[in-house]
Amino acid sequence: MQRHERLEQDVKIALSNIIMNEVKEPSVIGLISVTDVKITPDQKYAKVYVSIYGKGNKNKVVAALKKATGFIKKELGKRVRMRNMPDITFELDNSMEYGEHMDRVIKEVIEKDNMNK
């Protein structure tokens, strides 16, 4: 694994820990999974993709994470050694919901196909 990919993986693990165990924002509810982290080569920016399971407004959770970015960056700096501490942006990752939707569509097509035989 290249150095940059290893750094992204280390940041992903650290952010998962910080979000699940350290962030005390009341809006950060449900199971929040950091699905991916993309850091620019100059380490100035990091885009963090999160998937949120459970009930509640997912956009509110992302907004609360954005509000807690200062705290999250400070904690990340304690855990991962980096040349620059990047500006973090959080993005909602809907790939799980899309996958579930596609599974339902495929099952419906198979059921209709079996009924027509």
N, C-alpha and C. Protein backbone atom coordinates (compact mmCIF):
# COMPACT_ATOMS: atom_id res chain seq x y z
N MET A 1 0.85 -1.18 0.00
CA MET A 1 0.00 0.00 0.00
C MET A 1 0.90 1.24 0.00
N GLN A 2 0.55 2.20 -0.83
CA GLN A 2 1.34 3.41 -0.90
C GLN A 2 1.13 4.27 0.34
N ARG A 3 2.07 5.16 0.57
CA ARG A 3 2.03 6.01 1.75
C ARG A 3 0.75 6.83 1.84
N HIS A 4 0.32 7.41 0.72
CA HIS A 4 -0.88 8.25 0.73
C HIS A 4 -2.13 7.42 1.06
N GLU A 5 -2.23 6.23 0.48
CA GLU A 5 -3.38 5.36 0.78
C GLU A 5 -3.37 4.92 2.24
N ARG A 6 -2.19 4.66 2.77
CA ARG A 6 -2.08 4.27 4.17
C ARG A 6 -2.50 5.43 5.08
N LEU A 7 -2.12 6.64 4.70
CA LEU A 7 -2.52 7.82 5.47
C LEU A 7 -4.04 7.97 5.45
N GLU A 8 -4.66 7.81 4.28
CA GLU A 8 -6.11 7.90 4.20
C GLU A 8 -6.78 6.84 5.08
N GLN A 9 -6.22 5.63 5.09
CA GLN A 9 -6.77 4.55 5.91
C GLN A 9 -6.62 4.87 7.40
N ASP A 10 -5.46 5.39 7.79
CA ASP A 10 -5.23 5.77 9.19
C ASP A 10 -6.20 6.86 9.64
N VAL A 11 -6.42 7.85 8.77
CA VAL A 11 -7.34 8.94 9.08
C VAL A 11 -8.76 8.40 9.19
N LYS A 12 -9.13 7.49 8.30
CA LYS A 12 -10.47 6.89 8.33
C LYS A 12 -10.72 6.17 9.65
N ILE A 13 -9.75 5.39 10.10
CA ILE A 13 -9.89 4.66 11.37
C ILE A 13 -9.98 5.63 12.54
N ALA A 14 -9.11 6.64 12.55
CA ALA A 14 -9.10 7.61 13.64
C ALA A 14 -10.42 8.40 13.68
N LEU A 15 -10.90 8.83 12.51
CA LEU A 15 -12.16 9.58 12.47
C LEU A 15 -13.33 8.73 12.93
N SER A 16 -13.34 7.47 12.56
CA SER A 16 -14.41 6.58 13.02
C SER A 16 -14.44 6.53 14.54
N ASN A 17 -13.27 6.38 15.14
CA ASN A 17 -13.17 6.34 16.60
C ASN A 17 -13.62 7.65 17.22
N ILE A 18 -13.16 8.75 16.68
CA ILE A 18 -13.48 10.07 17.23
C ILE A 18 -14.99 10.31 17.16
N ILE A 19 -15.59 10.03 16.00
CA ILE A 19 -17.02 10.30 15.82
C ILE A 19 -17.86 9.42 16.74
N MET A 20 -17.50 8.15 16.84
CA MET A 20 -18.31 7.23 17.65
C MET A 20 -18.12 7.43 19.15
N ASN A 21 -16.93 7.83 19.58
CA ASN A 21 -16.64 7.84 21.02
C ASN A 21 -16.41 9.22 21.63
N GLU A 22 -16.08 10.22 20.84
CA GLU A 22 -15.67 11.50 21.40
C GLU A 22 -16.64 12.65 21.14
N VAL A 23 -17.27 12.65 19.98
CA VAL A 23 -18.16 13.77 19.62
C VAL A 23 -19.40 13.72 20.50
N LYS A 24 -19.69 14.82 21.16
CA LYS A 24 -20.81 14.88 22.11
C LYS A 24 -21.98 15.72 21.59
N GLU A 25 -22.03 15.96 20.29
CA GLU A 25 -23.15 16.71 19.69
C GLU A 25 -24.42 15.90 19.85
N PRO A 26 -25.50 16.48 20.36
CA PRO A 26 -26.74 15.72 20.53
C PRO A 26 -27.36 15.26 19.21
N SER A 27 -27.08 15.95 18.12
CA SER A 27 -27.65 15.57 16.82
C SER A 27 -26.93 14.39 16.18
N VAL A 28 -25.75 14.06 16.70
CA VAL A 28 -24.99 12.94 16.14
C VAL A 28 -25.53 11.67 16.77
N ILE A 29 -26.57 11.11 16.11
CA ILE A 29 -27.22 9.91 16.62
C ILE A 29 -27.24 8.84 15.54
N GLY A 30 -27.46 7.62 15.96
CA GLY A 30 -27.47 6.50 15.03
C GLY A 30 -26.07 5.94 14.89
N LEU A 31 -25.98 4.92 14.09
CA LEU A 31 -24.68 4.32 13.81
C LEU A 31 -24.07 5.06 12.64
N ILE A 32 -22.94 5.70 12.88
CA ILE A 32 -22.29 6.50 11.85
C ILE A 32 -21.01 5.78 11.45
N SER A 33 -20.90 5.50 10.18
CA SER A 33 -19.74 4.78 9.67
C SER A 33 -18.99 5.67 8.69
N VAL A 34 -17.69 5.80 8.88
CA VAL A 34 -16.86 6.51 7.92
C VAL A 34 -16.53 5.51 6.82
N THR A 35 -17.10 5.72 5.64
CA THR A 35 -16.95 4.76 4.56
C THR A 35 -15.71 5.00 3.71
N ASP A 36 -15.28 6.26 3.63
CA ASP A 36 -14.10 6.56 2.82
C ASP A 36 -13.55 7.92 3.21
N VAL A 37 -12.26 8.10 2.98
CA VAL A 37 -11.60 9.38 3.19
C VAL A 37 -10.71 9.63 1.98
N LYS A 38 -10.84 10.80 1.38
CA LYS A 38 -9.99 11.19 0.26
C LYS A 38 -9.25 12.45 0.67
N ILE A 39 -7.93 12.37 0.67
CA ILE A 39 -7.08 13.50 1.05
C ILE A 39 -6.32 13.95 -0.19
N THR A 40 -6.28 15.26 -0.41
CA THR A 40 -5.54 15.78 -1.55
C THR A 40 -4.04 15.50 -1.34
N PRO A 41 -3.29 15.40 -2.42
CA PRO A 41 -1.86 15.09 -2.29
C PRO A 41 -1.08 16.08 -1.42
N ASP A 42 -1.50 17.35 -1.41
CA ASP A 42 -0.81 18.34 -0.56
C ASP A 42 -1.32 18.33 0.88
N GLN A 43 -2.26 17.45 1.18
CA GLN A 43 -2.84 17.27 2.52
C GLN A 43 -3.54 18.51 3.06
N LYS A 44 -4.03 19.36 2.17
CA LYS A 44 -4.73 20.56 2.63
C LYS A 44 -6.23 20.31 2.83
N TYR A 45 -6.77 19.33 2.10
CA TYR A 45 -8.20 19.08 2.17
C TYR A 45 -8.46 17.58 2.30
N ALA A 46 -9.48 17.27 3.09
CA ALA A 46 -9.90 15.87 3.24
C ALA A 46 -11.42 15.83 3.11
N LYS A 47 -11.89 14.95 2.24
CA LYS A 47 -13.33 14.74 2.10
C LYS A 47 -13.64 13.42 2.79
N VAL A 48 -14.54 13.48 3.76
CA VAL A 48 -14.89 12.32 4.57
C VAL A 48 -16.31 11.91 4.22
N TYR A 49 -16.46 10.67 3.77
CA TYR A 49 -17.77 10.14 3.41
C TYR A 49 -18.31 9.33 4.58
N VAL A 50 -19.52 9.68 5.02
CA VAL A 50 -20.13 8.98 6.15
C VAL A 50 -21.45 8.37 5.73
N SER A 51 -21.71 7.20 6.28
CA SER A 51 -22.98 6.51 6.09
C SER A 51 -23.66 6.47 7.44
N ILE A 52 -24.94 6.80 7.47
CA ILE A 52 -25.66 6.92 8.73
C ILE A 52 -26.82 5.92 8.73
N TYR A 53 -26.81 5.03 9.72
CA TYR A 53 -27.86 4.03 9.87
C TYR A 53 -28.75 4.43 11.02
N GLY A 54 -30.01 4.18 10.88
CA GLY A 54 -30.93 4.50 11.96
C GLY A 54 -31.86 5.61 11.55
N LYS A 55 -32.78 5.87 12.46
CA LYS A 55 -33.78 6.89 12.20
C LYS A 55 -33.20 8.26 12.53
N GLY A 56 -33.82 9.24 12.00
CA GLY A 56 -33.37 10.60 12.24
C GLY A 56 -32.99 11.26 10.93
N ASN A 57 -32.83 12.55 10.99
CA ASN A 57 -32.51 13.32 9.81
C ASN A 57 -31.01 13.22 9.53
N LYS A 58 -30.66 12.57 8.44
CA LYS A 58 -29.25 12.36 8.11
C LYS A 58 -28.54 13.68 7.79
N ASN A 59 -29.27 14.62 7.21
CA ASN A 59 -28.66 15.91 6.91
C ASN A 59 -28.33 16.67 8.19
N LYS A 60 -29.16 16.49 9.23
CA LYS A 60 -28.88 17.12 10.52
C LYS A 60 -27.61 16.54 11.14
N VAL A 61 -27.43 15.24 10.97
CA VAL A 61 -26.23 14.58 11.51
C VAL A 61 -24.99 15.13 10.81
N VAL A 62 -25.06 15.25 9.48
CA VAL A 62 -23.91 15.78 8.73
C VAL A 62 -23.65 17.23 9.14
N ALA A 63 -24.71 18.02 9.34
CA ALA A 63 -24.55 19.41 9.79
C ALA A 63 -23.89 19.46 11.17
N ALA A 64 -24.27 18.54 12.05
CA ALA A 64 -23.66 18.50 13.39
C ALA A 64 -22.19 18.11 13.30
N LEU A 65 -21.86 17.20 12.40
CA LEU A 65 -20.45 16.84 12.21
C LEU A 65 -19.65 18.04 11.70
N LYS A 66 -20.26 18.79 10.78
CA LYS A 66 -19.59 19.99 10.26
C LYS A 66 -19.38 21.00 11.39
N LYS A 67 -20.36 21.10 12.28
CA LYS A 67 -20.26 22.02 13.42
C LYS A 67 -19.13 21.59 14.36
N ALA A 68 -18.91 20.29 14.48
CA ALA A 68 -17.88 19.77 15.39
C ALA A 68 -16.52 19.59 14.70
N THR A 69 -16.36 20.13 13.51
CA THR A 69 -15.13 19.92 12.74
C THR A 69 -13.89 20.39 13.49
N GLY A 70 -13.96 21.51 14.19
CA GLY A 70 -12.80 22.01 14.93
C GLY A 70 -12.33 21.01 15.97
N PHE A 71 -13.25 20.49 16.74
CA PHE A 71 -12.92 19.48 17.75
C PHE A 71 -12.37 18.22 17.08
N ILE A 72 -13.02 17.79 16.00
CA ILE A 72 -12.59 16.57 15.31
C ILE A 72 -11.17 16.74 14.77
N LYS A 73 -10.87 17.89 14.17
CA LYS A 73 -9.51 18.14 13.66
C LYS A 73 -8.48 18.10 14.79
N LYS A 74 -8.82 18.70 15.93
CA LYS A 74 -7.90 18.71 17.06
C LYS A 74 -7.61 17.28 17.53
N GLU A 75 -8.65 16.47 17.65
CA GLU A 75 -8.48 15.08 18.08
C GLU A 75 -7.72 14.26 17.03
N LEU A 76 -7.99 14.53 15.77
CA LEU A 76 -7.29 13.83 14.70
C LEU A 76 -5.80 14.14 14.74
N GLY A 77 -5.47 15.39 15.04
CA GLY A 77 -4.06 15.79 15.15
C GLY A 77 -3.33 15.06 16.26
N LYS A 78 -4.05 14.68 17.31
CA LYS A 78 -3.44 13.93 18.41
C LYS A 78 -3.17 12.47 18.02
N ARG A 79 -3.94 11.96 17.07
CA ARG A 79 -3.90 10.53 16.76
C ARG A 79 -3.12 10.18 15.50
N VAL A 80 -3.12 11.08 14.53
CA VAL A 80 -2.45 10.79 13.26
C VAL A 80 -1.44 11.90 12.97
N ARG A 81 -0.21 11.50 12.73
CA ARG A 81 0.82 12.47 12.42
C ARG A 81 0.78 12.79 10.93
N MET A 82 0.59 14.08 10.63
CA MET A 82 0.51 14.52 9.24
C MET A 82 1.33 15.78 9.05
N ARG A 83 1.77 15.97 7.81
CA ARG A 83 2.54 17.17 7.49
C ARG A 83 1.65 18.41 7.68
N ASN A 84 0.45 18.36 7.16
CA ASN A 84 -0.54 19.43 7.32
C ASN A 84 -1.82 18.82 7.86
N MET A 85 -2.52 19.52 8.72
CA MET A 85 -3.83 19.05 9.16
C MET A 85 -4.84 19.59 8.15
N PRO A 86 -5.50 18.71 7.41
CA PRO A 86 -6.38 19.15 6.32
C PRO A 86 -7.68 19.77 6.83
N ASP A 87 -8.25 20.62 5.98
CA ASP A 87 -9.62 21.09 6.21
C ASP A 87 -10.54 19.92 5.87
N ILE A 88 -11.44 19.62 6.78
CA ILE A 88 -12.29 18.45 6.62
C ILE A 88 -13.68 18.86 6.16
N THR A 89 -14.19 18.16 5.15
CA THR A 89 -15.58 18.32 4.74
C THR A 89 -16.25 16.96 4.83
N PHE A 90 -17.47 16.96 5.31
CA PHE A 90 -18.23 15.72 5.46
C PHE A 90 -19.26 15.63 4.34
N GLU A 91 -19.35 14.44 3.76
CA GLU A 91 -20.32 14.17 2.70
C GLU A 91 -21.12 12.93 3.08
N LEU A 92 -22.40 12.96 2.80
CA LEU A 92 -23.25 11.81 3.07
C LEU A 92 -23.05 10.77 1.97
N ASP A 93 -22.75 9.55 2.36
CA ASP A 93 -22.53 8.45 1.42
C ASP A 93 -23.82 7.64 1.35
N ASN A 94 -24.49 7.70 0.22
CA ASN A 94 -25.76 6.99 0.05
C ASN A 94 -25.60 5.66 -0.66
N SER A 95 -24.40 5.17 -0.80
CA SER A 95 -24.18 3.95 -1.58
C SER A 95 -24.87 2.73 -0.95
N MET A 96 -24.97 2.68 0.37
CA MET A 96 -25.65 1.55 1.02
C MET A 96 -27.14 1.55 0.66
N GLU A 97 -27.78 2.72 0.74
CA GLU A 97 -29.19 2.80 0.40
C GLU A 97 -29.41 2.48 -1.07
N TYR A 98 -28.50 2.93 -1.92
CA TYR A 98 -28.62 2.65 -3.34
C TYR A 98 -28.50 1.14 -3.59
N GLY A 99 -27.56 0.50 -2.90
CA GLY A 99 -27.39 -0.95 -3.02
C GLY A 99 -28.62 -1.70 -2.57
N GLU A 100 -29.22 -1.28 -1.44
CA GLU A 100 -30.44 -1.91 -0.96
C GLU A 100 -31.58 -1.73 -1.96
N HIS A 101 -31.68 -0.54 -2.53
CA HIS A 101 -32.71 -0.27 -3.53
C HIS A 101 -32.53 -1.18 -4.74
N MET A 102 -31.30 -1.31 -5.20
CA MET A 102 -31.03 -2.18 -6.36
C MET A 102 -31.35 -3.64 -6.03
N ASP A 103 -31.05 -4.08 -4.81
CA ASP A 103 -31.40 -5.45 -4.40
C ASP A 103 -32.91 -5.68 -4.49
N ARG A 104 -33.69 -4.69 -4.00
CA ARG A 104 -35.16 -4.81 -4.05
C ARG A 104 -35.65 -4.87 -5.49
N VAL A 105 -35.10 -4.02 -6.35
CA VAL A 105 -35.51 -4.00 -7.75
C VAL A 105 -35.20 -5.34 -8.42
N ILE A 106 -34.02 -5.87 -8.16
CA ILE A 106 -33.63 -7.16 -8.76
C ILE A 106 -34.55 -8.27 -8.27
N LYS A 107 -34.86 -8.30 -6.97
CA LYS A 107 -35.76 -9.32 -6.43
C LYS A 107 -37.14 -9.23 -7.06
N GLU A 108 -37.65 -7.99 -7.24
CA GLU A 108 -38.96 -7.81 -7.87
C GLU A 108 -38.96 -8.34 -9.30
N VAL A 109 -37.89 -8.05 -10.03
CA VAL A 109 -37.80 -8.53 -11.42
C VAL A 109 -37.76 -10.04 -11.47
N ILE A 110 -37.00 -10.66 -10.58
CA ILE A 110 -36.90 -12.11 -10.54
C ILE A 110 -38.25 -12.73 -10.18
N GLU A 111 -38.96 -12.13 -9.18
CA GLU A 111 -40.27 -12.64 -8.80
C GLU A 111 -41.27 -12.55 -9.96
N LYS A 112 -41.26 -11.42 -10.68
CA LYS A 112 -42.17 -11.26 -11.83
C LYS A 112 -41.82 -12.26 -12.92
N ASP A 113 -40.54 -12.48 -13.13
CA ASP A 113 -40.09 -13.42 -14.15
C ASP A 113 -40.52 -14.84 -13.80
N ASN A 114 -40.40 -15.20 -12.50
CA ASN A 114 -40.81 -16.53 -12.08
C ASN A 114 -42.32 -16.73 -12.18
N MET A 115 -43.09 -15.65 -11.97
CA MET A 115 -44.55 -15.74 -12.06
C MET A 115 -44.99 -15.93 -13.50
N ASN A 116 -44.23 -15.40 -14.45
CA ASN A 116 -44.60 -15.49 -15.86
C ASN A 116 -44.19 -16.83 -16.49
N LYS A 117 -43.51 -17.67 -15.78
CA LYS A 117 -43.06 -18.94 -16.35
C LYS A 117 -44.11 -20.01 -16.21
